[in-house]
C-alpha atoms as a PDB file:
ATOM      1  CA  UNK A   1     137.849  78.805 176.050  1.00  0.00           C
ATOM      2  CA  UNK A   2     134.241  79.207 174.867  1.00  0.00           C
ATOM      3  CA  UNK A   3     133.034  79.382 171.292  1.00  0.00           C
ATOM      4  CA  UNK A   4     132.279  82.645 169.496  1.00  0.00           C
ATOM      5  CA  UNK A   5     128.712  83.273 168.286  1.00  0.00           C
ATOM      6  CA  UNK A   6     129.817  82.443 164.711  1.00  0.00           C
ATOM      7  CA  UNK A   7     131.369  79.158 165.854  1.00  0.00           C
ATOM      8  CA  UNK A   8     128.188  78.252 167.740  1.00  0.00           C
ATOM      9  CA  UNK A   9     126.034  78.882 164.652  1.00  0.00           C
ATOM     10  CA  UNK A  10     128.388  76.869 162.432  1.00  0.00           C
ATOM     11  CA  UNK A  11     128.478  74.001 164.936  1.00  0.00           C
ATOM     12  CA  UNK A  12     124.654  73.862 165.084  1.00  0.00           C
ATOM     13  CA  UNK A  13     124.300  73.842 161.274  1.00  0.00           C
ATOM     14  CA  UNK A  14     127.231  71.603 160.282  1.00  0.00           C
ATOM     15  CA  UNK A  15     126.380  68.710 157.947  1.00  0.00           C
ATOM     16  CA  UNK A  16     129.894  67.569 157.069  1.00  0.00           C
ATOM     17  CA  UNK A  17     133.539  68.366 157.719  1.00  0.00           C
ATOM     18  CA  UNK A  18     135.196  69.519 160.908  1.00  0.00           C
ATOM     19  CA  UNK A  19     135.671  72.883 162.579  1.00  0.00           C
ATOM     20  CA  UNK A  20     139.404  73.089 161.938  1.00  0.00           C
ATOM     21  CA  UNK A  21     141.167  75.930 160.156  1.00  0.00           C
ATOM     22  CA  UNK A  22     141.477  75.174 156.435  1.00  0.00           C
ATOM     23  CA  UNK A  23     138.946  72.312 156.446  1.00  0.00           C
ATOM     24  CA  UNK A  24     135.993  72.378 154.068  1.00  0.00           C
ATOM     25  CA  UNK A  25     132.565  72.124 155.714  1.00  0.00           C
ATOM     26  CA  UNK A  26     128.977  71.635 154.626  1.00  0.00           C
ATOM     27  CA  UNK A  27     126.267  73.682 156.323  1.00  0.00           C
ATOM     28  CA  UNK A  28     122.458  73.482 156.459  1.00  0.00           C
ATOM     29  CA  UNK A  29     121.108  76.870 155.392  1.00  0.00           C
ATOM     30  CA  UNK A  30     117.871  77.517 157.279  1.00  0.00           C
ATOM     31  CA  UNK A  31     117.337  81.240 156.590  1.00  0.00           C
ATOM     32  CA  UNK A  32     118.038  83.565 153.660  1.00  0.00           C
ATOM     33  CA  UNK A  33     117.762  87.327 153.215  1.00  0.00           C
ATOM     34  CA  UNK A  34     117.834  89.074 149.829  1.00  0.00           C
ATOM     35  CA  UNK A  35     117.336  92.684 148.814  1.00  0.00           C
ATOM     36  CA  UNK A  36     115.969  94.330 145.691  1.00  0.00           C
ATOM     37  CA  UNK A  37     119.277  95.242 144.028  1.00  0.00           C
ATOM     38  CA  UNK A  38     120.687  91.688 143.845  1.00  0.00           C
ATOM     39  CA  UNK A  39     117.893  89.373 144.980  1.00  0.00           C
ATOM     40  CA  UNK A  40     116.180  89.305 141.587  1.00  0.00           C
ATOM     41  CA  UNK A  41     119.391  88.088 139.929  1.00  0.00           C
ATOM     42  CA  UNK A  42     119.699  85.334 142.533  1.00  0.00           C
ATOM     43  CA  UNK A  43     116.107  84.237 141.836  1.00  0.00           C
ATOM     44  CA  UNK A  44     116.792  84.177 138.080  1.00  0.00           C
ATOM     45  CA  UNK A  45     119.904  82.048 138.633  1.00  0.00           C
ATOM     46  CA  UNK A  46     117.914  79.559 140.738  1.00  0.00           C
ATOM     47  CA  UNK A  47     115.303  79.406 137.972  1.00  0.00           C
ATOM     48  CA  UNK A  48     118.004  78.840 135.320  1.00  0.00           C
ATOM     49  CA  UNK A  49     119.396  75.950 137.401  1.00  0.00           C
ATOM     50  CA  UNK A  50     115.934  74.364 137.496  1.00  0.00           C
ATOM     51  CA  UNK A  51     115.413  74.812 141.235  1.00  0.00           C
ATOM     52  CA  UNK A  52     111.619  74.887 141.693  1.00  0.00           C
ATOM     53  CA  UNK A  53     111.570  76.288 145.239  1.00  0.00           C
ATOM     54  CA  UNK A  54     113.778  77.159 148.172  1.00  0.00           C
ATOM     55  CA  UNK A  55     114.292  74.660 150.954  1.00  0.00           C
ATOM     56  CA  UNK A  56     114.769  76.980 153.898  1.00  0.00           C
ATOM     57  CA  UNK A  57     112.646  77.473 156.972  1.00  0.00           C
ATOM     58  CA  UNK A  58     112.521  81.232 156.363  1.00  0.00           C
ATOM     59  CA  UNK A  59     113.308  83.322 153.274  1.00  0.00           C
ATOM     60  CA  UNK A  60     112.880  87.098 153.321  1.00  0.00           C
ATOM     61  CA  UNK A  61     113.169  89.609 150.465  1.00  0.00           C
ATOM     62  CA  UNK A  62     113.105  93.303 151.266  1.00  0.00           C
ATOM     63  CA  UNK A  63     112.669  96.292 148.988  1.00  0.00           C
ATOM     64  CA  UNK A  64     114.442  99.485 149.959  1.00  0.00           C
ATOM     65  CA  UNK A  65     116.090 100.829 146.798  1.00  0.00           C
ATOM     66  CA  UNK A  66     113.337 100.661 144.183  1.00  0.00           C
ATOM     67  CA  UNK A  67     110.589 102.533 146.009  1.00  0.00           C
ATOM     68  CA  UNK A  68     108.648 105.687 145.201  1.00  0.00           C
ATOM     69  CA  UNK A  69     109.882 108.621 147.231  1.00  0.00           C
ATOM     70  CA  UNK A  70     107.531 111.553 147.506  1.00  0.00           C
ATOM     71  CA  UNK A  71     107.119 114.261 150.044  1.00  0.00           C
END
């Protein structure tokens, strides 16, 4: 039987562990997506932990809640 799309992504990004139910795994995170309601808190937590920059290939933050609505 073939792998699901989630299993394929996990397999490609696995750093440690094994793909068995109940086993702990380590994954390489190559992309992140944050939004305006919770992203700022995540950035503040990274700053508090002393993390100077992200180490992903692509990080995106989008604003859709805190925008001016007129019309």
